[in-house]
Amino acid sequence: MSMLSLRLPESLHRKVRELAAKESISINQFITTAVAEKMAALLTEEYLAERARRADTAAFDRILARVPDVPPMPGDEREPTTSGRQPNKRLQPTKARKRSQSRAGLKR
């Protein structure tokens, strides 16, 4: 375990102390958890960016081309956009989704 000297403005220190007490944990544990949460968020962002760089858009388009073009199920319609652009049809529900819902026992 390593030790770190940290300078905090008094107002921030006071709030950390209050929140740690409210959670019944030490200030050290509170700050350690906060750092871990921030690291997880940043590392997840990096991971997703790396996965996006490796994406095979041609394969994605081939797979999407196999999905039937059907209207959305009742209640799944998209709201009209305010920008005047038409919604992307690829994002609307499909028969494939209906089949998977049916298999999962979610059929309406």
PDB file of N, CA and C in Angstrom:
ATOM      1  N   MET A   1       0.861  -1.169   0.000  1.00  0.00           N
ATOM      2  CA  MET A   1       0.000   0.000   0.000  1.00  0.00           C
ATOM      3  C   MET A   1       0.901   1.223   0.000  1.00  0.00           C
ATOM      4  N   SER A   2       0.582   2.200  -0.817  1.00  0.00           N
ATOM      5  CA  SER A   2       1.400   3.407  -0.844  1.00  0.00           C
ATOM      6  C   SER A   2       0.658   4.560  -0.178  1.00  0.00           C
ATOM      7  N   MET A   3       1.428   5.542   0.254  1.00  0.00           N
ATOM      8  CA  MET A   3       0.863   6.694   0.929  1.00  0.00           C
ATOM      9  C   MET A   3       0.925   7.892  -0.012  1.00  0.00           C
ATOM     10  N   LEU A   4      -0.098   8.723   0.054  1.00  0.00           N
ATOM     11  CA  LEU A   4      -0.188   9.888  -0.815  1.00  0.00           C
ATOM     12  C   LEU A   4      -0.592  11.092   0.024  1.00  0.00           C
ATOM     13  N   SER A   5       0.143  12.151  -0.110  1.00  0.00           N
ATOM     14  CA  SER A   5      -0.208  13.391   0.574  1.00  0.00           C
ATOM     15  C   SER A   5      -1.072  14.204  -0.388  1.00  0.00           C
ATOM     16  N   LEU A   6      -2.215  14.626   0.075  1.00  0.00           N
ATOM     17  CA  LEU A   6      -3.178  15.294  -0.795  1.00  0.00           C
ATOM     18  C   LEU A   6      -3.594  16.629  -0.198  1.00  0.00           C
ATOM     19  N   ARG A   7      -3.531  17.665  -1.002  1.00  0.00           N
ATOM     20  CA  ARG A   7      -3.977  18.986  -0.554  1.00  0.00           C
ATOM     21  C   ARG A   7      -5.368  19.243  -1.140  1.00  0.00           C
ATOM     22  N   LEU A   8      -6.319  19.540  -0.255  1.00  0.00           N
ATOM     23  CA  LEU A   8      -7.689  19.832  -0.667  1.00  0.00           C
ATOM     24  C   LEU A   8      -8.100  21.193  -0.120  1.00  0.00           C
ATOM     25  N   PRO A   9      -8.884  21.930  -0.881  1.00  0.00           N
ATOM     26  CA  PRO A   9      -9.455  23.151  -0.310  1.00  0.00           C
ATOM     27  C   PRO A   9     -10.315  22.778   0.906  1.00  0.00           C
ATOM     28  N   GLU A  10     -10.360  23.631   1.880  1.00  0.00           N
ATOM     29  CA  GLU A  10     -11.097  23.340   3.120  1.00  0.00           C
ATOM     30  C   GLU A  10     -12.556  22.978   2.842  1.00  0.00           C
ATOM     31  N   SER A  11     -13.181  23.677   1.928  1.00  0.00           N
ATOM     32  CA  SER A  11     -14.599  23.397   1.646  1.00  0.00           C
ATOM     33  C   SER A  11     -14.785  21.984   1.084  1.00  0.00           C
ATOM     34  N   LEU A  12     -13.880  21.549   0.236  1.00  0.00           N
ATOM     35  CA  LEU A  12     -13.954  20.207  -0.333  1.00  0.00           C
ATOM     36  C   LEU A  12     -13.664  19.161   0.744  1.00  0.00           C
ATOM     37  N   HIS A  13     -12.678  19.423   1.581  1.00  0.00           N
ATOM     38  CA  HIS A  13     -12.341  18.511   2.680  1.00  0.00           C
ATOM     39  C   HIS A  13     -13.535  18.345   3.613  1.00  0.00           C
ATOM     40  N   ARG A  14     -14.200  19.436   3.930  1.00  0.00           N
ATOM     41  CA  ARG A  14     -15.363  19.410   4.821  1.00  0.00           C
ATOM     42  C   ARG A  14     -16.472  18.531   4.211  1.00  0.00           C
ATOM     43  N   LYS A  15     -16.716  18.712   2.921  1.00  0.00           N
ATOM     44  CA  LYS A  15     -17.778  17.950   2.257  1.00  0.00           C
ATOM     45  C   LYS A  15     -17.419  16.466   2.182  1.00  0.00           C
ATOM     46  N   VAL A  16     -16.154  16.159   1.909  1.00  0.00           N
ATOM     47  CA  VAL A  16     -15.705  14.758   1.879  1.00  0.00           C
ATOM     48  C   VAL A  16     -15.902  14.138   3.261  1.00  0.00           C
ATOM     49  N   ARG A  17     -15.534  14.865   4.299  1.00  0.00           N
ATOM     50  CA  ARG A  17     -15.691  14.374   5.661  1.00  0.00           C
ATOM     51  C   ARG A  17     -17.163  14.081   5.960  1.00  0.00           C
ATOM     52  N   GLU A  18     -18.056  15.006   5.584  1.00  0.00           N
ATOM     53  CA  GLU A  18     -19.493  14.819   5.811  1.00  0.00           C
ATOM     54  C   GLU A  18     -20.026  13.596   5.062  1.00  0.00           C
ATOM     55  N   LEU A  19     -19.658  13.482   3.788  1.00  0.00           N
ATOM     56  CA  LEU A  19     -20.162  12.372   2.981  1.00  0.00           C
ATOM     57  C   LEU A  19     -19.612  11.030   3.453  1.00  0.00           C
ATOM     58  N   ALA A  20     -18.363  11.006   3.843  1.00  0.00           N
ATOM     59  CA  ALA A  20     -17.771   9.765   4.365  1.00  0.00           C
ATOM     60  C   ALA A  20     -18.479   9.348   5.648  1.00  0.00           C
ATOM     61  N   ALA A  21     -18.733  10.315   6.529  1.00  0.00           N
ATOM     62  CA  ALA A  21     -19.433  10.012   7.781  1.00  0.00           C
ATOM     63  C   ALA A  21     -20.845   9.508   7.488  1.00  0.00           C
ATOM     64  N   LYS A  22     -21.503  10.114   6.540  1.00  0.00           N
ATOM     65  CA  LYS A  22     -22.862   9.702   6.160  1.00  0.00           C
ATOM     66  C   LYS A  22     -22.871   8.265   5.649  1.00  0.00           C
ATOM     67  N   GLU A  23     -21.808   7.862   4.956  1.00  0.00           N
ATOM     68  CA  GLU A  23     -21.689   6.502   4.420  1.00  0.00           C
ATOM     69  C   GLU A  23     -21.062   5.532   5.427  1.00  0.00           C
ATOM     70  N   SER A  24     -20.687   6.048   6.583  1.00  0.00           N
ATOM     71  CA  SER A  24     -20.034   5.259   7.640  1.00  0.00           C
ATOM     72  C   SER A  24     -18.733   4.611   7.155  1.00  0.00           C
ATOM     73  N   ILE A  25     -17.944   5.405   6.419  1.00  0.00           N
ATOM     74  CA  ILE A  25     -16.638   4.949   5.956  1.00  0.00           C
ATOM     75  C   ILE A  25     -15.610   6.033   6.269  1.00  0.00           C
ATOM     76  N   SER A  26     -14.344   5.663   6.181  1.00  0.00           N
ATOM     77  CA  SER A  26     -13.283   6.639   6.443  1.00  0.00           C
ATOM     78  C   SER A  26     -13.126   7.570   5.232  1.00  0.00           C
ATOM     79  N   ILE A  27     -12.514   8.708   5.476  1.00  0.00           N
ATOM     80  CA  ILE A  27     -12.203   9.628   4.383  1.00  0.00           C
ATOM     81  C   ILE A  27     -11.283   8.936   3.384  1.00  0.00           C
ATOM     82  N   ASN A  28     -10.335   8.158   3.884  1.00  0.00           N
ATOM     83  CA  ASN A  28      -9.423   7.436   3.012  1.00  0.00           C
ATOM     84  C   ASN A  28     -10.209   6.490   2.081  1.00  0.00           C
ATOM     85  N   GLN A  29     -11.138   5.740   2.647  1.00  0.00           N
ATOM     86  CA  GLN A  29     -11.929   4.814   1.845  1.00  0.00           C
ATOM     87  C   GLN A  29     -12.798   5.572   0.846  1.00  0.00           C
ATOM     88  N   PHE A  30     -13.356   6.699   1.267  1.00  0.00           N
ATOM     89  CA  PHE A  30     -14.191   7.509   0.381  1.00  0.00           C
ATOM     90  C   PHE A  30     -13.382   7.986  -0.833  1.00  0.00           C
ATOM     91  N   ILE A  31     -12.190   8.524  -0.578  1.00  0.00           N
ATOM     92  CA  ILE A  31     -11.349   9.033  -1.666  1.00  0.00           C
ATOM     93  C   ILE A  31     -10.847   7.892  -2.547  1.00  0.00           C
ATOM     94  N   THR A  32     -10.483   6.770  -1.938  1.00  0.00           N
ATOM     95  CA  THR A  32     -10.034   5.611  -2.717  1.00  0.00           C
ATOM     96  C   THR A  32     -11.138   5.138  -3.659  1.00  0.00           C
ATOM     97  N   THR A  33     -12.355   5.062  -3.157  1.00  0.00           N
ATOM     98  CA  THR A  33     -13.486   4.645  -3.985  1.00  0.00           C
ATOM     99  C   THR A  33     -13.750   5.647  -5.103  1.00  0.00           C
ATOM    100  N   ALA A  34     -13.665   6.939  -4.788  1.00  0.00           N
ATOM    101  CA  ALA A  34     -13.891   7.973  -5.801  1.00  0.00           C
ATOM    102  C   ALA A  34     -12.854   7.881  -6.918  1.00  0.00           C
ATOM    103  N   VAL A  35     -11.596   7.660  -6.553  1.00  0.00           N
ATOM    104  CA  VAL A  35     -10.525   7.520  -7.544  1.00  0.00           C
ATOM    105  C   VAL A  35     -10.767   6.274  -8.396  1.00  0.00           C
ATOM    106  N   ALA A  36     -11.156   5.161  -7.759  1.00  0.00           N
ATOM    107  CA  ALA A  36     -11.418   3.923  -8.489  1.00  0.00           C
ATOM    108  C   ALA A  36     -12.578   4.101  -9.472  1.00  0.00           C
ATOM    109  N   GLU A  37     -13.627   4.795  -9.051  1.00  0.00           N
ATOM    110  CA  GLU A  37     -14.775   5.037  -9.934  1.00  0.00           C
ATOM    111  C   GLU A  37     -14.377   5.888 -11.141  1.00  0.00           C
ATOM    112  N   LYS A  38     -13.585   6.910 -10.904  1.00  0.00           N
ATOM    113  CA  LYS A  38     -13.137   7.770 -12.001  1.00  0.00           C
ATOM    114  C   LYS A  38     -12.259   6.990 -12.967  1.00  0.00           C
ATOM    115  N   MET A  39     -11.348   6.180 -12.420  1.00  0.00           N
ATOM    116  CA  MET A  39     -10.482   5.367 -13.280  1.00  0.00           C
ATOM    117  C   MET A  39     -11.308   4.398 -14.119  1.00  0.00           C
ATOM    118  N   ALA A  40     -12.309   3.777 -13.520  1.00  0.00           N
ATOM    119  CA  ALA A  40     -13.161   2.836 -14.251  1.00  0.00           C
ATOM    120  C   ALA A  40     -13.868   3.542 -15.404  1.00  0.00           C
ATOM    121  N   ALA A  41     -14.355   4.744 -15.166  1.00  0.00           N
ATOM    122  CA  ALA A  41     -15.035   5.496 -16.225  1.00  0.00           C
ATOM    123  C   ALA A  41     -14.071   5.819 -17.366  1.00  0.00           C
ATOM    124  N   LEU A  42     -12.886   6.289 -17.036  1.00  0.00           N
ATOM    125  CA  LEU A  42     -11.911   6.642 -18.074  1.00  0.00           C
ATOM    126  C   LEU A  42     -11.416   5.413 -18.830  1.00  0.00           C
ATOM    127  N   LEU A  43     -11.162   4.326 -18.119  1.00  0.00           N
ATOM    128  CA  LEU A  43     -10.692   3.108 -18.767  1.00  0.00           C
ATOM    129  C   LEU A  43     -11.775   2.490 -19.646  1.00  0.00           C
ATOM    130  N   THR A  44     -13.016   2.593 -19.232  1.00  0.00           N
ATOM    131  CA  THR A  44     -14.124   2.092 -20.050  1.00  0.00           C
ATOM    132  C   THR A  44     -14.216   2.891 -21.334  1.00  0.00           C
ATOM    133  N   GLU A  45     -14.068   4.194 -21.230  1.00  0.00           N
ATOM    134  CA  GLU A  45     -14.090   5.052 -22.413  1.00  0.00           C
ATOM    135  C   GLU A  45     -12.983   4.657 -23.384  1.00  0.00           C
ATOM    136  N   GLU A  46     -11.772   4.420 -22.850  1.00  0.00           N
ATOM    137  CA  GLU A  46     -10.655   3.995 -23.694  1.00  0.00           C
ATOM    138  C   GLU A  46     -10.944   2.638 -24.343  1.00  0.00           C
ATOM    139  N   TYR A  47     -11.478   1.712 -23.562  1.00  0.00           N
ATOM    140  CA  TYR A  47     -11.791   0.375 -24.067  1.00  0.00           C
ATOM    141  C   TYR A  47     -12.799   0.455 -25.214  1.00  0.00           C
ATOM    142  N   LEU A  48     -13.863   1.236 -25.023  1.00  0.00           N
ATOM    143  CA  LEU A  48     -14.883   1.356 -26.063  1.00  0.00           C
ATOM    144  C   LEU A  48     -14.341   2.040 -27.306  1.00  0.00           C
ATOM    145  N   ALA A  49     -13.472   3.020 -27.132  1.00  0.00           N
ATOM    146  CA  ALA A  49     -12.863   3.691 -28.288  1.00  0.00           C
ATOM    147  C   ALA A  49     -11.993   2.714 -29.066  1.00  0.00           C
ATOM    148  N   GLU A  50     -11.237   1.875 -28.350  1.00  0.00           N
ATOM    149  CA  GLU A  50     -10.401   0.870 -29.014  1.00  0.00           C
ATOM    150  C   GLU A  50     -11.264  -0.139 -29.766  1.00  0.00           C
ATOM    151  N   ARG A  51     -12.340  -0.583 -29.144  1.00  0.00           N
ATOM    152  CA  ARG A  51     -13.242  -1.528 -29.820  1.00  0.00           C
ATOM    153  C   ARG A  51     -13.851  -0.883 -31.070  1.00  0.00           C
ATOM    154  N   ALA A  52     -14.195   0.394 -31.000  1.00  0.00           N
ATOM    155  CA  ALA A  52     -14.766   1.093 -32.157  1.00  0.00           C
ATOM    156  C   ALA A  52     -13.750   1.176 -33.288  1.00  0.00           C
ATOM    157  N   ARG A  53     -12.473   1.384 -32.944  1.00  0.00           N
ATOM    158  CA  ARG A  53     -11.439   1.448 -33.987  1.00  0.00           C
ATOM    159  C   ARG A  53     -11.282   0.111 -34.704  1.00  0.00           C
ATOM    160  N   ARG A  54     -11.528  -0.992 -33.995  1.00  0.00           N
ATOM    161  CA  ARG A  54     -11.383  -2.316 -34.597  1.00  0.00           C
ATOM    162  C   ARG A  54     -12.653  -2.781 -35.310  1.00  0.00           C
ATOM    163  N   ALA A  55     -13.701  -1.972 -35.295  1.00  0.00           N
ATOM    164  CA  ALA A  55     -14.979  -2.386 -35.872  1.00  0.00           C
ATOM    165  C   ALA A  55     -14.854  -2.661 -37.366  1.00  0.00           C
ATOM    166  N   ASP A  56     -15.563  -3.662 -37.819  1.00  0.00           N
ATOM    167  CA  ASP A  56     -15.610  -4.016 -39.239  1.00  0.00           C
ATOM    168  C   ASP A  56     -16.948  -3.520 -39.770  1.00  0.00           C
ATOM    169  N   THR A  57     -16.951  -2.309 -40.313  1.00  0.00           N
ATOM    170  CA  THR A  57     -18.212  -1.717 -40.766  1.00  0.00           C
ATOM    171  C   THR A  57     -18.828  -2.481 -41.926  1.00  0.00           C
ATOM    172  N   ALA A  58     -18.016  -3.103 -42.754  1.00  0.00           N
ATOM    173  CA  ALA A  58     -18.554  -3.895 -43.864  1.00  0.00           C
ATOM    174  C   ALA A  58     -19.324  -5.097 -43.320  1.00  0.00           C
ATOM    175  N   ALA A  59     -18.785  -5.767 -42.313  1.00  0.00           N
ATOM    176  CA  ALA A  59     -19.480  -6.902 -41.698  1.00  0.00           C
ATOM    177  C   ALA A  59     -20.763  -6.430 -41.020  1.00  0.00           C
ATOM    178  N   PHE A  60     -20.700  -5.291 -40.345  1.00  0.00           N
ATOM    179  CA  PHE A  60     -21.882  -4.719 -39.699  1.00  0.00           C
ATOM    180  C   PHE A  60     -22.984  -4.471 -40.733  1.00  0.00           C
ATOM    181  N   ASP A  61     -22.615  -3.871 -41.862  1.00  0.00           N
ATOM    182  CA  ASP A  61     -23.597  -3.599 -42.914  1.00  0.00           C
ATOM    183  C   ASP A  61     -24.164  -4.890 -43.499  1.00  0.00           C
ATOM    184  N   ARG A  62     -23.327  -5.922 -43.662  1.00  0.00           N
ATOM    185  CA  ARG A  62     -23.815  -7.209 -44.186  1.00  0.00           C
ATOM    186  C   ARG A  62     -24.832  -7.829 -43.227  1.00  0.00           C
ATOM    187  N   ILE A  63     -24.535  -7.769 -41.945  1.00  0.00           N
ATOM    188  CA  ILE A  63     -25.455  -8.332 -40.950  1.00  0.00           C
ATOM    189  C   ILE A  63     -26.757  -7.549 -40.929  1.00  0.00           C
ATOM    190  N   LEU A  64     -26.667  -6.229 -40.935  1.00  0.00           N
ATOM    191  CA  LEU A  64     -27.885  -5.409 -40.917  1.00  0.00           C
ATOM    192  C   LEU A  64     -28.719  -5.597 -42.170  1.00  0.00           C
ATOM    193  N   ALA A  65     -28.087  -5.874 -43.293  1.00  0.00           N
ATOM    194  CA  ALA A  65     -28.819  -6.072 -44.542  1.00  0.00           C
ATOM    195  C   ALA A  65     -29.727  -7.299 -44.462  1.00  0.00           C
ATOM    196  N   ARG A  66     -29.420  -8.233 -43.588  1.00  0.00           N
ATOM    197  CA  ARG A  66     -30.236  -9.441 -43.439  1.00  0.00           C
ATOM    198  C   ARG A  66     -31.483  -9.197 -42.594  1.00  0.00           C
ATOM    199  N   VAL A  67     -31.542  -8.069 -41.897  1.00  0.00           N
ATOM    200  CA  VAL A  67     -32.677  -7.775 -41.027  1.00  0.00           C
ATOM    201  C   VAL A  67     -33.829  -7.247 -41.875  1.00  0.00           C
ATOM    202  N   PRO A  68     -35.020  -7.847 -41.747  1.00  0.00           N
ATOM    203  CA  PRO A  68     -36.158  -7.384 -42.539  1.00  0.00           C
ATOM    204  C   PRO A  68     -36.536  -5.939 -42.198  1.00  0.00           C
ATOM    205  N   ASP A  69     -36.978  -5.207 -43.180  1.00  0.00           N
ATOM    206  CA  ASP A  69     -37.396  -3.814 -42.993  1.00  0.00           C
ATOM    207  C   ASP A  69     -38.900  -3.813 -42.728  1.00  0.00           C
ATOM    208  N   VAL A  70     -39.270  -3.774 -41.450  1.00  0.00           N
ATOM    209  CA  VAL A  70     -40.674  -3.796 -41.051  1.00  0.00           C
ATOM    210  C   VAL A  70     -40.938  -2.618 -40.125  1.00  0.00           C
ATOM    211  N   PRO A  71     -42.195  -2.196 -40.031  1.00  0.00           N
ATOM    212  CA  PRO A  71     -42.494  -1.084 -39.111  1.00  0.00           C
ATOM    213  C   PRO A  71     -42.278  -1.507 -37.663  1.00  0.00           C
ATOM    214  N   PRO A  72     -42.057  -0.548 -36.772  1.00  0.00           N
ATOM    215  CA  PRO A  72     -41.833  -0.883 -35.363  1.00  0.00           C
ATOM    216  C   PRO A  72     -43.080  -1.466 -34.716  1.00  0.00           C
ATOM    217  N   MET A  73     -42.861  -2.219 -33.649  1.00  0.00           N
ATOM    218  CA  MET A  73     -43.982  -2.746 -32.880  1.00  0.00           C
ATOM    219  C   MET A  73     -44.705  -1.584 -32.217  1.00  0.00           C
ATOM    220  N   PRO A  74     -46.012  -1.700 -31.970  1.00  0.00           N
ATOM    221  CA  PRO A  74     -46.743  -0.614 -31.298  1.00  0.00           C
ATOM    222  C   PRO A  74     -46.060  -0.240 -29.987  1.00  0.00           C
ATOM    223  N   GLY A  75     -45.850   1.046 -29.795  1.00  0.00           N
ATOM    224  CA  GLY A  75     -45.183   1.556 -28.604  1.00  0.00           C
ATOM    225  C   GLY A  75     -43.692   1.761 -28.785  1.00  0.00           C
ATOM    226  N   ASP A  76     -43.118   1.203 -29.866  1.00  0.00           N
ATOM    227  CA  ASP A  76     -41.688   1.352 -30.122  1.00  0.00           C
ATOM    228  C   ASP A  76     -41.390   2.405 -31.180  1.00  0.00           C
ATOM    229  N   GLU A  77     -42.388   3.154 -31.610  1.00  0.00           N
ATOM    230  CA  GLU A  77     -42.171   4.160 -32.641  1.00  0.00           C
ATOM    231  C   GLU A  77     -41.236   5.236 -32.114  1.00  0.00           C
ATOM    232  N   ARG A  78     -40.435   5.795 -33.011  1.00  0.00           N
ATOM    233  CA  ARG A  78     -39.522   6.873 -32.624  1.00  0.00           C
ATOM    234  C   ARG A  78     -40.248   8.197 -32.681  1.00  0.00           C
ATOM    235  N   GLU A  79     -39.862   9.083 -31.791  1.00  0.00           N
ATOM    236  CA  GLU A  79     -40.403  10.439 -31.799  1.00  0.00           C
ATOM    237  C   GLU A  79     -39.835  11.182 -32.996  1.00  0.00           C
ATOM    238  N   PRO A  80     -40.617  12.056 -33.617  1.00  0.00           N
ATOM    239  CA  PRO A  80     -40.069  12.853 -34.733  1.00  0.00           C
ATOM    240  C   PRO A  80     -38.911  13.711 -34.227  1.00  0.00           C
ATOM    241  N   THR A  81     -37.904  13.881 -35.068  1.00  0.00           N
ATOM    242  CA  THR A  81     -36.754  14.689 -34.669  1.00  0.00           C
ATOM    243  C   THR A  81     -37.053  16.163 -34.903  1.00  0.00           C
ATOM    244  N   THR A  82     -36.452  17.015 -34.081  1.00  0.00           N
ATOM    245  CA  THR A  82     -36.654  18.451 -34.230  1.00  0.00           C
ATOM    246  C   THR A  82     -35.725  19.036 -35.284  1.00  0.00           C
ATOM    247  N   SER A  83     -34.681  18.280 -35.660  1.00  0.00           N
ATOM    248  CA  SER A  83     -33.717  18.797 -36.627  1.00  0.00           C
ATOM    249  C   SER A  83     -34.222  18.675 -38.060  1.00  0.00           C
ATOM    250  N   GLY A  84     -35.352  17.974 -38.244  1.00  0.00           N
ATOM    251  CA  GLY A  84     -35.866  17.794 -39.596  1.00  0.00           C
ATOM    252  C   GLY A  84     -35.297  16.558 -40.273  1.00  0.00           C
ATOM    253  N   ARG A  85     -34.271  15.946 -39.653  1.00  0.00           N
ATOM    254  CA  ARG A  85     -33.696  14.727 -40.214  1.00  0.00           C
ATOM    255  C   ARG A  85     -34.631  13.565 -39.952  1.00  0.00           C
ATOM    256  N   GLN A  86     -34.647  12.635 -40.865  1.00  0.00           N
ATOM    257  CA  GLN A  86     -35.419  11.416 -40.672  1.00  0.00           C
ATOM    258  C   GLN A  86     -34.625  10.475 -39.782  1.00  0.00           C
ATOM    259  N   PRO A  87     -35.308   9.760 -38.882  1.00  0.00           N
ATOM    260  CA  PRO A  87     -34.594   8.803 -38.048  1.00  0.00           C
ATOM    261  C   PRO A  87     -33.966   7.707 -38.908  1.00  0.00           C
ATOM    262  N   ASN A  88     -32.887   7.150 -38.419  1.00  0.00           N
ATOM    263  CA  ASN A  88     -32.195   6.072 -39.099  1.00  0.00           C
ATOM    264  C   ASN A  88     -33.045   4.808 -39.007  1.00  0.00           C
ATOM    265  N   LYS A  89     -33.463   4.260 -40.152  1.00  0.00           N
ATOM    266  CA  LYS A  89     -34.328   3.085 -40.144  1.00  0.00           C
ATOM    267  C   LYS A  89     -33.668   1.890 -39.467  1.00  0.00           C
ATOM    268  N   ARG A  90     -32.339   1.822 -39.507  1.00  0.00           N
ATOM    269  CA  ARG A  90     -31.639   0.698 -38.899  1.00  0.00           C
ATOM    270  C   ARG A  90     -31.911   0.589 -37.412  1.00  0.00           C
ATOM    271  N   LEU A  91     -32.220   1.694 -36.780  1.00  0.00           N
ATOM    272  CA  LEU A  91     -32.385   1.682 -35.337  1.00  0.00           C
ATOM    273  C   LEU A  91     -33.776   1.258 -34.896  1.00  0.00           C
ATOM    274  N   GLN A  92     -34.699   1.086 -35.849  1.00  0.00           N
ATOM    275  CA  GLN A  92     -36.050   0.712 -35.482  1.00  0.00           C
ATOM    276  C   GLN A  92     -36.140  -0.788 -35.240  1.00  0.00           C
ATOM    277  N   PRO A  93     -37.071  -1.215 -34.381  1.00  0.00           N
ATOM    278  CA  PRO A  93     -37.223  -2.634 -34.078  1.00  0.00           C
ATOM    279  C   PRO A  93     -37.548  -3.439 -35.332  1.00  0.00           C
ATOM    280  N   THR A  94     -37.230  -4.701 -35.316  1.00  0.00           N
ATOM    281  CA  THR A  94     -37.395  -5.557 -36.479  1.00  0.00           C
ATOM    282  C   THR A  94     -38.059  -6.870 -36.105  1.00  0.00           C
ATOM    283  N   LYS A  95     -38.377  -7.670 -37.124  1.00  0.00           N
ATOM    284  CA  LYS A  95     -38.935  -9.000 -36.882  1.00  0.00           C
ATOM    285  C   LYS A  95     -37.946  -9.853 -36.093  1.00  0.00           C
ATOM    286  N   ALA A  96     -36.660  -9.638 -36.369  1.00  0.00           N
ATOM    287  CA  ALA A  96     -35.645 -10.401 -35.634  1.00  0.00           C
ATOM    288  C   ALA A  96     -35.786 -10.141 -34.141  1.00  0.00           C
ATOM    289  N   ARG A  97     -36.060  -8.906 -33.765  1.00  0.00           N
ATOM    290  CA  ARG A  97     -36.236  -8.583 -32.354  1.00  0.00           C
ATOM    291  C   ARG A  97     -37.499  -9.250 -31.829  1.00  0.00           C
ATOM    292  N   LYS A  98     -38.561  -9.237 -32.639  1.00  0.00           N
ATOM    293  CA  LYS A  98     -39.796  -9.897 -32.219  1.00  0.00           C
ATOM    294  C   LYS A  98     -39.552 -11.380 -31.971  1.00  0.00           C
ATOM    295  N   ARG A  99     -38.780 -12.003 -32.870  1.00  0.00           N
ATOM    296  CA  ARG A  99     -38.475 -13.427 -32.702  1.00  0.00           C
ATOM    297  C   ARG A  99     -37.692 -13.657 -31.412  1.00  0.00           C
ATOM    298  N   SER A 100     -36.710 -12.807 -31.143  1.00  0.00           N
ATOM    299  CA  SER A 100     -35.911 -13.009 -29.934  1.00  0.00           C
ATOM    300  C   SER A 100     -36.747 -12.766 -28.684  1.00  0.00           C
ATOM    301  N   GLN A 101     -37.676 -11.796 -28.737  1.00  0.00           N
ATOM    302  CA  GLN A 101     -38.550 -11.554 -27.597  1.00  0.00           C
ATOM    303  C   GLN A 101     -39.474 -12.743 -27.384  1.00  0.00           C
ATOM    304  N   SER A 102     -39.975 -13.292 -28.486  1.00  0.00           N
ATOM    305  CA  SER A 102     -40.867 -14.436 -28.399  1.00  0.00           C
ATOM    306  C   SER A 102     -40.140 -15.628 -27.776  1.00  0.00           C
ATOM    307  N   ARG A 103     -38.897 -15.860 -28.224  1.00  0.00           N
ATOM    308  CA  ARG A 103     -38.107 -16.970 -27.680  1.00  0.00           C
ATOM    309  C   ARG A 103     -37.836 -16.790 -26.190  1.00  0.00           C
ATOM    310  N   ALA A 104     -37.698 -15.523 -25.774  1.00  0.00           N
ATOM    311  CA  ALA A 104     -37.399 -15.244 -24.375  1.00  0.00           C
ATOM    312  C   ALA A 104     -38.660 -15.182 -23.520  1.00  0.00           C
ATOM    313  N   GLY A 105     -39.810 -15.441 -24.138  1.00  0.00           N
ATOM    314  CA  GLY A 105     -41.069 -15.401 -23.389  1.00  0.00           C
ATOM    315  C   GLY A 105     -41.585 -13.997 -23.171  1.00  0.00           C
ATOM    316  N   LEU A 106     -41.160 -13.053 -24.008  1.00  0.00           N
ATOM    317  CA  LEU A 106     -41.545 -11.660 -23.846  1.00  0.00           C
ATOM    318  C   LEU A 106     -42.590 -11.230 -24.875  1.00  0.00           C
ATOM    319  N   LYS A 107     -43.141 -12.154 -25.617  1.00  0.00           N
ATOM    320  CA  LYS A 107     -44.084 -11.816 -26.691  1.00  0.00           C
ATOM    321  C   LYS A 107     -45.263 -11.068 -26.116  1.00  0.00           C
ATOM    322  N   ARG A 108     -45.681 -10.044 -26.838  1.00  0.00           N
ATOM    323  CA  ARG A 108     -46.810  -9.212 -26.369  1.00  0.00           C
ATOM    324  C   ARG A 108     -48.129  -9.822 -26.720  1.00  0.00           C
TER     325      ARG A 108
END
